Amino acid sequence: MYALIDTCGKQYKVREGEIVFFEKLDQMEGSQVVFDKVVTLSDEESTQVGTPYIDGASVTGKVLTHGKDRKILVFKYKAKKNYRRMQGHRQAHTKVQIEKILTSAQS
């Protein structure tokens, strides 16, 4: 069984027991987080698609750690003008373990 959830302005495909990296969430490490914006639920037999979200469906997870991704370098220059700028960026993320996918029938 998998679910498509909408969080942090993006959509993520998650399964139970999976570890997923989201953009920084405002949750403490070790706390539970509930994602209630479920776009699609699918198992071996059927698929449910929300309009835009499935009522009563949710995904629960446990926040493991917070951290930063590797550094991405942004380099801008203009040819023949001696203009060069280098800038680095490290995106903050939250590591979450998906514990349970609840369908609307289970809620």
PDB file of N, CA and C in Angstrom:
ATOM      1  N   MET A   1       0.844  -1.177   0.000  1.00  0.00           N
ATOM      2  CA  MET A   1       0.000   0.000   0.000  1.00  0.00           C
ATOM      3  C   MET A   1       0.884   1.233   0.000  1.00  0.00           C
ATOM      4  N   TYR A   2       0.523   2.229  -0.788  1.00  0.00           N
ATOM      5  CA  TYR A   2       1.238   3.491  -0.781  1.00  0.00           C
ATOM      6  C   TYR A   2       0.246   4.641  -0.809  1.00  0.00           C
ATOM      7  N   ALA A   3       0.752   5.824  -0.470  1.00  0.00           N
ATOM      8  CA  ALA A   3      -0.077   7.025  -0.470  1.00  0.00           C
ATOM      9  C   ALA A   3       0.723   8.174  -1.069  1.00  0.00           C
ATOM     10  N   LEU A   4       0.031   9.063  -1.749  1.00  0.00           N
ATOM     11  CA  LEU A   4       0.618  10.315  -2.210  1.00  0.00           C
ATOM     12  C   LEU A   4       0.131  11.401  -1.273  1.00  0.00           C
ATOM     13  N   ILE A   5       1.070  12.075  -0.599  1.00  0.00           N
ATOM     14  CA  ILE A   5       0.684  13.133   0.334  1.00  0.00           C
ATOM     15  C   ILE A   5       1.213  14.469  -0.163  1.00  0.00           C
ATOM     16  N   ASP A   6       0.510  15.516   0.217  1.00  0.00           N
ATOM     17  CA  ASP A   6       0.865  16.876  -0.180  1.00  0.00           C
ATOM     18  C   ASP A   6       1.349  17.613   1.062  1.00  0.00           C
ATOM     19  N   THR A   7       2.639  17.945   1.106  1.00  0.00           N
ATOM     20  CA  THR A   7       3.202  18.683   2.229  1.00  0.00           C
ATOM     21  C   THR A   7       4.408  19.472   1.751  1.00  0.00           C
ATOM     22  N   CYS A   8       4.666  20.581   2.397  1.00  0.00           N
ATOM     23  CA  CYS A   8       5.816  21.445   2.083  1.00  0.00           C
ATOM     24  C   CYS A   8       5.775  21.941   0.648  1.00  0.00           C
ATOM     25  N   GLY A   9       4.589  22.034   0.053  1.00  0.00           N
ATOM     26  CA  GLY A   9       4.470  22.512  -1.314  1.00  0.00           C
ATOM     27  C   GLY A   9       4.826  21.484  -2.364  1.00  0.00           C
ATOM     28  N   LYS A  10       5.017  20.231  -1.964  1.00  0.00           N
ATOM     29  CA  LYS A  10       5.371  19.165  -2.901  1.00  0.00           C
ATOM     30  C   LYS A  10       4.516  17.939  -2.611  1.00  0.00           C
ATOM     31  N   GLN A  11       4.542  16.976  -3.529  1.00  0.00           N
ATOM     32  CA  GLN A  11       3.841  15.720  -3.325  1.00  0.00           C
ATOM     33  C   GLN A  11       4.863  14.608  -3.176  1.00  0.00           C
ATOM     34  N   TYR A  12       4.650  13.740  -2.186  1.00  0.00           N
ATOM     35  CA  TYR A  12       5.576  12.654  -1.896  1.00  0.00           C
ATOM     36  C   TYR A  12       4.823  11.330  -1.933  1.00  0.00           C
ATOM     37  N   LYS A  13       5.465  10.298  -2.502  1.00  0.00           N
ATOM     38  CA  LYS A  13       4.921   8.946  -2.500  1.00  0.00           C
ATOM     39  C   LYS A  13       5.563   8.211  -1.332  1.00  0.00           C
ATOM     40  N   VAL A  14       4.721   7.741  -0.385  1.00  0.00           N
ATOM     41  CA  VAL A  14       5.237   7.110   0.836  1.00  0.00           C
ATOM     42  C   VAL A  14       4.603   5.739   1.040  1.00  0.00           C
ATOM     43  N   ARG A  15       5.342   4.870   1.709  1.00  0.00           N
ATOM     44  CA  ARG A  15       4.872   3.547   2.107  1.00  0.00           C
ATOM     45  C   ARG A  15       5.136   3.384   3.607  1.00  0.00           C
ATOM     46  N   GLU A  16       4.438   2.446   4.239  1.00  0.00           N
ATOM     47  CA  GLU A  16       4.648   2.185   5.659  1.00  0.00           C
ATOM     48  C   GLU A  16       6.054   1.634   5.893  1.00  0.00           C
ATOM     49  N   GLY A  17       6.716   2.145   6.933  1.00  0.00           N
ATOM     50  CA  GLY A  17       8.064   1.697   7.272  1.00  0.00           C
ATOM     51  C   GLY A  17       9.171   2.421   6.524  1.00  0.00           C
ATOM     52  N   GLU A  18       8.826   3.237   5.564  1.00  0.00           N
ATOM     53  CA  GLU A  18       9.802   3.937   4.740  1.00  0.00           C
ATOM     54  C   GLU A  18      10.331   5.183   5.455  1.00  0.00           C
ATOM     55  N   ILE A  19      11.564   5.556   5.175  1.00  0.00           N
ATOM     56  CA  ILE A  19      12.152   6.780   5.710  1.00  0.00           C
ATOM     57  C   ILE A  19      12.208   7.809   4.586  1.00  0.00           C
ATOM     58  N   VAL A  20      11.634   8.998   4.851  1.00  0.00           N
ATOM     59  CA  VAL A  20      11.495  10.036   3.827  1.00  0.00           C
ATOM     60  C   VAL A  20      12.102  11.326   4.351  1.00  0.00           C
ATOM     61  N   PHE A  21      12.735  12.096   3.466  1.00  0.00           N
ATOM     62  CA  PHE A  21      13.279  13.399   3.800  1.00  0.00           C
ATOM     63  C   PHE A  21      12.333  14.477   3.277  1.00  0.00           C
ATOM     64  N   PHE A  22      11.767  15.275   4.194  1.00  0.00           N
ATOM     65  CA  PHE A  22      10.904  16.394   3.842  1.00  0.00           C
ATOM     66  C   PHE A  22      11.677  17.684   4.065  1.00  0.00           C
ATOM     67  N   GLU A  23      11.171  18.784   3.487  1.00  0.00           N
ATOM     68  CA  GLU A  23      11.735  20.073   3.847  1.00  0.00           C
ATOM     69  C   GLU A  23      11.458  20.304   5.322  1.00  0.00           C
ATOM     70  N   LYS A  24      12.197  21.207   5.939  1.00  0.00           N
ATOM     71  CA  LYS A  24      12.166  21.402   7.393  1.00  0.00           C
ATOM     72  C   LYS A  24      10.738  21.532   7.925  1.00  0.00           C
ATOM     73  N   LEU A  25      10.387  20.660   8.880  1.00  0.00           N
ATOM     74  CA  LEU A  25       9.097  20.694   9.552  1.00  0.00           C
ATOM     75  C   LEU A  25       9.288  21.271  10.954  1.00  0.00           C
ATOM     76  N   ASP A  26       8.280  21.976  11.454  1.00  0.00           N
ATOM     77  CA  ASP A  26       8.345  22.559  12.791  1.00  0.00           C
ATOM     78  C   ASP A  26       7.859  21.559  13.834  1.00  0.00           C
ATOM     79  N   GLN A  27       8.557  20.455  13.961  1.00  0.00           N
ATOM     80  CA  GLN A  27       8.232  19.420  14.932  1.00  0.00           C
ATOM     81  C   GLN A  27       9.507  19.065  15.684  1.00  0.00           C
ATOM     82  N   MET A  28       9.364  18.658  16.941  1.00  0.00           N
ATOM     83  CA  MET A  28      10.514  18.240  17.738  1.00  0.00           C
ATOM     84  C   MET A  28      10.933  16.826  17.314  1.00  0.00           C
ATOM     85  N   GLU A  29      12.210  16.508  17.514  1.00  0.00           N
ATOM     86  CA  GLU A  29      12.690  15.157  17.224  1.00  0.00           C
ATOM     87  C   GLU A  29      12.020  14.165  18.166  1.00  0.00           C
ATOM     88  N   GLY A  30      11.576  13.046  17.622  1.00  0.00           N
ATOM     89  CA  GLY A  30      10.898  12.026  18.411  1.00  0.00           C
ATOM     90  C   GLY A  30       9.391  12.206  18.494  1.00  0.00           C
ATOM     91  N   SER A  31       8.868  13.316  17.991  1.00  0.00           N
ATOM     92  CA  SER A  31       7.422  13.551  18.067  1.00  0.00           C
ATOM     93  C   SER A  31       6.708  12.940  16.871  1.00  0.00           C
ATOM     94  N   GLN A  32       5.394  12.790  17.014  1.00  0.00           N
ATOM     95  CA  GLN A  32       4.554  12.269  15.941  1.00  0.00           C
ATOM     96  C   GLN A  32       4.119  13.413  15.040  1.00  0.00           C
ATOM     97  N   VAL A  33       4.024  13.140  13.742  1.00  0.00           N
ATOM     98  CA  VAL A  33       3.529  14.125  12.786  1.00  0.00           C
ATOM     99  C   VAL A  33       2.446  13.443  11.946  1.00  0.00           C
ATOM    100  N   VAL A  34       1.356  14.176  11.693  1.00  0.00           N
ATOM    101  CA  VAL A  34       0.232  13.633  10.935  1.00  0.00           C
ATOM    102  C   VAL A  34       0.079  14.443   9.652  1.00  0.00           C
ATOM    103  N   PHE A  35       0.080  13.747   8.527  1.00  0.00           N
ATOM    104  CA  PHE A  35      -0.144  14.368   7.233  1.00  0.00           C
ATOM    105  C   PHE A  35      -1.576  14.023   6.814  1.00  0.00           C
ATOM    106  N   ASP A  36      -2.458  15.028   6.782  1.00  0.00           N
ATOM    107  CA  ASP A  36      -3.865  14.757   6.470  1.00  0.00           C
ATOM    108  C   ASP A  36      -4.238  15.135   5.040  1.00  0.00           C
ATOM    109  N   LYS A  37      -3.319  15.691   4.291  1.00  0.00           N
ATOM    110  CA  LYS A  37      -3.590  16.025   2.889  1.00  0.00           C
ATOM    111  C   LYS A  37      -3.146  14.856   2.012  1.00  0.00           C
ATOM    112  N   VAL A  38      -3.973  13.819   1.956  1.00  0.00           N
ATOM    113  CA  VAL A  38      -3.680  12.617   1.174  1.00  0.00           C
ATOM    114  C   VAL A  38      -4.345  12.763  -0.189  1.00  0.00           C
ATOM    115  N   VAL A  39      -3.552  12.758  -1.244  1.00  0.00           N
ATOM    116  CA  VAL A  39      -4.054  12.943  -2.601  1.00  0.00           C
ATOM    117  C   VAL A  39      -4.539  11.620  -3.185  1.00  0.00           C
ATOM    118  N   THR A  40      -3.754  10.536  -2.991  1.00  0.00           N
ATOM    119  CA  THR A  40      -4.079   9.231  -3.573  1.00  0.00           C
ATOM    120  C   THR A  40      -3.716   8.125  -2.596  1.00  0.00           C
ATOM    121  N   LEU A  41      -4.576   7.117  -2.517  1.00  0.00           N
ATOM    122  CA  LEU A  41      -4.303   5.891  -1.766  1.00  0.00           C
ATOM    123  C   LEU A  41      -4.398   4.723  -2.730  1.00  0.00           C
ATOM    124  N   SER A  42      -3.456   3.798  -2.637  1.00  0.00           N
ATOM    125  CA  SER A  42      -3.492   2.659  -3.547  1.00  0.00           C
ATOM    126  C   SER A  42      -2.984   1.417  -2.834  1.00  0.00           C
ATOM    127  N   ASP A  43      -3.654   0.303  -3.079  1.00  0.00           N
ATOM    128  CA  ASP A  43      -3.176  -0.995  -2.636  1.00  0.00           C
ATOM    129  C   ASP A  43      -3.278  -1.952  -3.815  1.00  0.00           C
ATOM    130  N   GLU A  44      -3.140  -3.252  -3.553  1.00  0.00           N
ATOM    131  CA  GLU A  44      -3.144  -4.226  -4.647  1.00  0.00           C
ATOM    132  C   GLU A  44      -4.488  -4.301  -5.358  1.00  0.00           C
ATOM    133  N   GLU A  45      -5.576  -4.004  -4.652  1.00  0.00           N
ATOM    134  CA  GLU A  45      -6.909  -4.191  -5.207  1.00  0.00           C
ATOM    135  C   GLU A  45      -7.500  -2.934  -5.829  1.00  0.00           C
ATOM    136  N   SER A  46      -7.312  -1.781  -5.190  1.00  0.00           N
ATOM    137  CA  SER A  46      -8.006  -0.584  -5.662  1.00  0.00           C
ATOM    138  C   SER A  46      -7.154   0.667  -5.456  1.00  0.00           C
ATOM    139  N   THR A  47      -7.614   1.741  -6.091  1.00  0.00           N
ATOM    140  CA  THR A  47      -6.966   3.039  -5.969  1.00  0.00           C
ATOM    141  C   THR A  47      -8.025   4.083  -5.706  1.00  0.00           C
ATOM    142  N   GLN A  48      -7.773   4.948  -4.704  1.00  0.00           N
ATOM    143  CA  GLN A  48      -8.669   6.062  -4.413  1.00  0.00           C
ATOM    144  C   GLN A  48      -7.960   7.345  -4.775  1.00  0.00           C
ATOM    145  N   VAL A  49      -8.668   8.226  -5.477  1.00  0.00           N
ATOM    146  CA  VAL A  49      -8.113   9.521  -5.856  1.00  0.00           C
ATOM    147  C   VAL A  49      -8.999  10.591  -5.255  1.00  0.00           C
ATOM    148  N   GLY A  50      -8.401  11.549  -4.572  1.00  0.00           N
ATOM    149  CA  GLY A  50      -9.161  12.608  -3.924  1.00  0.00           C
ATOM    150  C   GLY A  50      -9.462  13.767  -4.854  1.00  0.00           C
ATOM    151  N   THR A  51     -10.394  14.605  -4.429  1.00  0.00           N
ATOM    152  CA  THR A  51     -10.760  15.797  -5.196  1.00  0.00           C
ATOM    153  C   THR A  51     -10.739  17.015  -4.297  1.00  0.00           C
ATOM    154  N   PRO A  52      -9.705  17.669  -3.959  1.00  0.00           N
ATOM    155  CA  PRO A  52      -8.308  17.314  -4.224  1.00  0.00           C
ATOM    156  C   PRO A  52      -7.729  16.340  -3.205  1.00  0.00           C
ATOM    157  N   TYR A  53      -8.342  16.206  -2.015  1.00  0.00           N
ATOM    158  CA  TYR A  53      -7.820  15.307  -0.987  1.00  0.00           C
ATOM    159  C   TYR A  53      -8.885  14.285  -0.600  1.00  0.00           C
ATOM    160  N   ILE A  54      -8.440  13.154  -0.043  1.00  0.00           N
ATOM    161  CA  ILE A  54      -9.351  12.102   0.394  1.00  0.00           C
ATOM    162  C   ILE A  54      -9.797  12.423   1.824  1.00  0.00           C
ATOM    163  N   ASP A  55     -11.106  12.515   2.033  1.00  0.00           N
ATOM    164  CA  ASP A  55     -11.647  12.822   3.353  1.00  0.00           C
ATOM    165  C   ASP A  55     -11.406  11.662   4.314  1.00  0.00           C
ATOM    166  N   GLY A  56     -10.882  11.970   5.498  1.00  0.00           N
ATOM    167  CA  GLY A  56     -10.688  10.966   6.535  1.00  0.00           C
ATOM    168  C   GLY A  56      -9.405  10.178   6.433  1.00  0.00           C
ATOM    169  N   ALA A  57      -8.661  10.306   5.357  1.00  0.00           N
ATOM    170  CA  ALA A  57      -7.409   9.569   5.206  1.00  0.00           C
ATOM    171  C   ALA A  57      -6.261  10.386   5.784  1.00  0.00           C
ATOM    172  N   SER A  58      -5.294   9.695   6.371  1.00  0.00           N
ATOM    173  CA  SER A  58      -4.139  10.387   6.927  1.00  0.00           C
ATOM    174  C   SER A  58      -2.937   9.445   6.950  1.00  0.00           C
ATOM    175  N   VAL A  59      -1.765  10.050   7.092  1.00  0.00           N
ATOM    176  CA  VAL A  59      -0.515   9.311   7.192  1.00  0.00           C
ATOM    177  C   VAL A  59       0.196   9.818   8.447  1.00  0.00           C
ATOM    178  N   THR A  60       0.611   8.885   9.316  1.00  0.00           N
ATOM    179  CA  THR A  60       1.326   9.285  10.529  1.00  0.00           C
ATOM    180  C   THR A  60       2.777   8.848  10.416  1.00  0.00           C
ATOM    181  N   GLY A  61       3.644   9.659  11.008  1.00  0.00           N
ATOM    182  CA  GLY A  61       5.067   9.364  10.984  1.00  0.00           C
ATOM    183  C   GLY A  61       5.738   9.849  12.250  1.00  0.00           C
ATOM    184  N   LYS A  62       6.989   9.462  12.403  1.00  0.00           N
ATOM    185  CA  LYS A  62       7.776   9.857  13.566  1.00  0.00           C
ATOM    186  C   LYS A  62       8.987  10.643  13.073  1.00  0.00           C
ATOM    187  N   VAL A  63       9.199  11.823  13.660  1.00  0.00           N
ATOM    188  CA  VAL A  63      10.338  12.659  13.286  1.00  0.00           C
ATOM    189  C   VAL A  63      11.593  12.054  13.897  1.00  0.00           C
ATOM    190  N   LEU A  64      12.560  11.699  13.050  1.00  0.00           N
ATOM    191  CA  LEU A  64      13.799  11.098  13.532  1.00  0.00           C
ATOM    192  C   LEU A  64      14.855  12.165  13.820  1.00  0.00           C
ATOM    193  N   THR A  65      15.220  12.946  12.811  1.00  0.00           N
ATOM    194  CA  THR A  65      16.240  13.980  12.993  1.00  0.00           C
ATOM    195  C   THR A  65      15.973  15.158  12.071  1.00  0.00           C
ATOM    196  N   HIS A  66      16.656  16.261  12.370  1.00  0.00           N
ATOM    197  CA  HIS A  66      16.700  17.418  11.485  1.00  0.00           C
ATOM    198  C   HIS A  66      18.136  17.531  10.986  1.00  0.00           C
ATOM    199  N   GLY A  67      18.305  18.052   9.780  1.00  0.00           N
ATOM    200  CA  GLY A  67      19.656  18.191   9.250  1.00  0.00           C
ATOM    201  C   GLY A  67      19.669  19.100   8.037  1.00  0.00           C
ATOM    202  N   LYS A  68      20.799  19.069   7.331  1.00  0.00           N
ATOM    203  CA  LYS A  68      20.955  19.864   6.117  1.00  0.00           C
ATOM    204  C   LYS A  68      21.464  18.976   5.000  1.00  0.00           C
ATOM    205  N   ASP A  69      21.045  19.278   3.768  1.00  0.00           N
ATOM    206  CA  ASP A  69      21.533  18.561   2.591  1.00  0.00           C
ATOM    207  C   ASP A  69      22.952  19.000   2.290  1.00  0.00           C
ATOM    208  N   ARG A  70      23.549  18.377   1.268  1.00  0.00           N
ATOM    209  CA  ARG A  70      24.892  18.792   0.867  1.00  0.00           C
ATOM    210  C   ARG A  70      24.837  20.163   0.210  1.00  0.00           C
ATOM    211  N   LYS A  71      25.960  20.822   0.175  1.00  0.00           N
ATOM    212  CA  LYS A  71      26.013  22.189  -0.333  1.00  0.00           C
ATOM    213  C   LYS A  71      25.887  22.214  -1.855  1.00  0.00           C
ATOM    214  N   ILE A  72      25.075  23.140  -2.332  1.00  0.00           N
ATOM    215  CA  ILE A  72      24.922  23.389  -3.758  1.00  0.00           C
ATOM    216  C   ILE A  72      25.558  24.740  -4.048  1.00  0.00           C
ATOM    217  N   LEU A  73      26.454  24.789  -5.026  1.00  0.00           N
ATOM    218  CA  LEU A  73      27.126  26.030  -5.374  1.00  0.00           C
ATOM    219  C   LEU A  73      26.400  26.722  -6.524  1.00  0.00           C
ATOM    220  N   VAL A  74      26.180  28.019  -6.362  1.00  0.00           N
ATOM    221  CA  VAL A  74      25.554  28.839  -7.394  1.00  0.00           C
ATOM    222  C   VAL A  74      26.626  29.815  -7.861  1.00  0.00           C
ATOM    223  N   PHE A  75      27.005  29.746  -9.135  1.00  0.00           N
ATOM    224  CA  PHE A  75      28.060  30.596  -9.677  1.00  0.00           C
ATOM    225  C   PHE A  75      27.498  31.411 -10.823  1.00  0.00           C
ATOM    226  N   LYS A  76      27.563  32.739 -10.682  1.00  0.00           N
ATOM    227  CA  LYS A  76      27.094  33.640 -11.729  1.00  0.00           C
ATOM    228  C   LYS A  76      28.285  34.411 -12.281  1.00  0.00           C
ATOM    229  N   TYR A  77      28.283  34.616 -13.587  1.00  0.00           N
ATOM    230  CA  TYR A  77      29.336  35.430 -14.175  1.00  0.00           C
ATOM    231  C   TYR A  77      28.839  36.039 -15.480  1.00  0.00           C
ATOM    232  N   LYS A  78      29.500  37.090 -15.876  1.00  0.00           N
ATOM    233  CA  LYS A  78      29.237  37.700 -17.181  1.00  0.00           C
ATOM    234  C   LYS A  78      30.540  37.657 -17.966  1.00  0.00           C
ATOM    235  N   ALA A  79      30.465  37.134 -19.155  1.00  0.00           N
ATOM    236  CA  ALA A  79      31.657  36.952 -19.973  1.00  0.00           C
ATOM    237  C   ALA A  79      32.292  38.304 -20.317  1.00  0.00           C
ATOM    238  N   LYS A  80      33.589  38.356 -20.225  1.00  0.00           N
ATOM    239  CA  LYS A  80      34.405  39.511 -20.628  1.00  0.00           C
ATOM    240  C   LYS A  80      34.160  40.759 -19.797  1.00  0.00           C
ATOM    241  N   LYS A  81      33.482  40.675 -18.666  1.00  0.00           N
ATOM    242  CA  LYS A  81      33.171  41.852 -17.844  1.00  0.00           C
ATOM    243  C   LYS A  81      33.777  41.764 -16.443  1.00  0.00           C
ATOM    244  N   ASN A  82      34.511  40.694 -16.140  1.00  0.00           N
ATOM    245  CA  ASN A  82      35.135  40.489 -14.830  1.00  0.00           C
ATOM    246  C   ASN A  82      34.100  40.505 -13.699  1.00  0.00           C
ATOM    247  N   TYR A  83      32.924  39.934 -13.953  1.00  0.00           N
ATOM    248  CA  TYR A  83      31.860  39.835 -12.949  1.00  0.00           C
ATOM    249  C   TYR A  83      31.703  38.376 -12.574  1.00  0.00           C
ATOM    250  N   ARG A  84      32.024  38.061 -11.326  1.00  0.00           N
ATOM    251  CA  ARG A  84      31.899  36.691 -10.845  1.00  0.00           C
ATOM    252  C   ARG A  84      31.362  36.710  -9.426  1.00  0.00           C
ATOM    253  N   ARG A  85      30.354  35.881  -9.142  1.00  0.00           N
ATOM    254  CA  ARG A  85      29.779  35.752  -7.800  1.00  0.00           C
ATOM    255  C   ARG A  85      29.551  34.265  -7.509  1.00  0.00           C
ATOM    256  N   MET A  86      30.013  33.823  -6.364  1.00  0.00           N
ATOM    257  CA  MET A  86      29.768  32.447  -5.953  1.00  0.00           C
ATOM    258  C   MET A  86      28.972  32.466  -4.651  1.00  0.00           C
ATOM    259  N   GLN A  87      27.973  31.624  -4.602  1.00  0.00           N
ATOM    260  CA  GLN A  87      27.111  31.540  -3.425  1.00  0.00           C
ATOM    261  C   GLN A  87      26.796  30.076  -3.170  1.00  0.00           C
ATOM    262  N   GLY A  88      26.773  29.682  -1.908  1.00  0.00           N
ATOM    263  CA  GLY A  88      26.440  28.314  -1.539  1.00  0.00           C
ATOM    264  C   GLY A  88      25.104  28.253  -0.828  1.00  0.00           C
ATOM    265  N   HIS A  89      24.448  27.081  -0.880  1.00  0.00           N
ATOM    266  CA  HIS A  89      23.155  26.899  -0.212  1.00  0.00           C
ATOM    267  C   HIS A  89      23.062  25.473   0.305  1.00  0.00           C
ATOM    268  N   ARG A  90      22.608  25.330   1.550  1.00  0.00           N
ATOM    269  CA  ARG A  90      22.326  24.020   2.135  1.00  0.00           C
ATOM    270  C   ARG A  90      20.885  24.023   2.611  1.00  0.00           C
ATOM    271  N   GLN A  91      20.041  23.197   1.997  1.00  0.00           N
ATOM    272  CA  GLN A  91      18.627  23.133   2.322  1.00  0.00           C
ATOM    273  C   GLN A  91      18.414  22.335   3.602  1.00  0.00           C
ATOM    274  N   ALA A  92      17.660  22.882   4.531  1.00  0.00           N
ATOM    275  CA  ALA A  92      17.314  22.173   5.766  1.00  0.00           C
ATOM    276  C   ALA A  92      16.262  21.110   5.473  1.00  0.00           C
ATOM    277  N   HIS A  93      16.385  19.957   6.119  1.00  0.00           N
ATOM    278  CA  HIS A  93      15.412  18.883   5.919  1.00  0.00           C
ATOM    279  C   HIS A  93      15.087  18.198   7.242  1.00  0.00           C
ATOM    280  N   THR A  94      14.002  17.427   7.211  1.00  0.00           N
ATOM    281  CA  THR A  94      13.574  16.633   8.361  1.00  0.00           C
ATOM    282  C   THR A  94      13.450  15.184   7.914  1.00  0.00           C
ATOM    283  N   LYS A  95      14.039  14.282   8.671  1.00  0.00           N
ATOM    284  CA  LYS A  95      13.997  12.848   8.371  1.00  0.00           C
ATOM    285  C   LYS A  95      12.831  12.245   9.138  1.00  0.00           C
ATOM    286  N   VAL A  96      11.871  11.650   8.413  1.00  0.00           N
ATOM    287  CA  VAL A  96      10.639  11.122   9.007  1.00  0.00           C
ATOM    288  C   VAL A  96      10.481   9.655   8.618  1.00  0.00           C
ATOM    289  N   GLN A  97      10.150   8.824   9.611  1.00  0.00           N
ATOM    290  CA  GLN A  97       9.811   7.427   9.329  1.00  0.00           C
ATOM    291  C   GLN A  97       8.300   7.300   9.301  1.00  0.00           C
ATOM    292  N   ILE A  98       7.766   6.794   8.194  1.00  0.00           N
ATOM    293  CA  ILE A  98       6.321   6.627   8.029  1.00  0.00           C
ATOM    294  C   ILE A  98       5.891   5.396   8.821  1.00  0.00           C
ATOM    295  N   GLU A  99       4.935   5.590   9.718  1.00  0.00           N
ATOM    296  CA  GLU A  99       4.502   4.490  10.582  1.00  0.00           C
ATOM    297  C   GLU A  99       3.201   3.848  10.127  1.00  0.00           C
ATOM    298  N   LYS A 100       2.211   4.655   9.765  1.00  0.00           N
ATOM    299  CA  LYS A 100       0.900   4.086   9.448  1.00  0.00           C
ATOM    300  C   LYS A 100       0.195   4.926   8.405  1.00  0.00           C
ATOM    301  N   ILE A 101      -0.466   4.245   7.480  1.00  0.00           N
ATOM    302  CA  ILE A 101      -1.328   4.888   6.485  1.00  0.00           C
ATOM    303  C   ILE A 101      -2.767   4.509   6.815  1.00  0.00           C
ATOM    304  N   LEU A 102      -3.570   5.500   7.194  1.00  0.00           N
ATOM    305  CA  LEU A 102      -4.969   5.256   7.544  1.00  0.00           C
ATOM    306  C   LEU A 102      -5.861   5.651   6.382  1.00  0.00           C
ATOM    307  N   THR A 103      -6.705   4.731   5.954  1.00  0.00           N
ATOM    308  CA  THR A 103      -7.673   5.047   4.917  1.00  0.00           C
ATOM    309  C   THR A 103      -8.908   5.665   5.535  1.00  0.00           C
ATOM    310  N   SER A 104      -9.789   6.160   4.709  1.00  0.00           N
ATOM    311  CA  SER A 104     -11.009   6.790   5.221  1.00  0.00           C
ATOM    312  C   SER A 104     -11.915   5.775   5.917  1.00  0.00           C
ATOM    313  N   ALA A 105     -11.844   4.504   5.538  1.00  0.00           N
ATOM    314  CA  ALA A 105     -12.659   3.463   6.174  1.00  0.00           C
ATOM    315  C   ALA A 105     -12.128   3.119   7.568  1.00  0.00           C
ATOM    316  N   GLN A 106     -10.810   3.247   7.787  1.00  0.00           N
ATOM    317  CA  GLN A 106     -10.209   2.905   9.073  1.00  0.00           C
ATOM    318  C   GLN A 106     -10.345   4.015  10.095  1.00  0.00           C
ATOM    319  N   SER A 107     -10.551   5.260   9.650  1.00  0.00           N
ATOM    320  CA  SER A 107     -10.575   6.408  10.563  1.00  0.00           C
ATOM    321  C   SER A 107     -11.755   6.415  11.489  1.00  0.00           C
TER     322      SER A 107
END
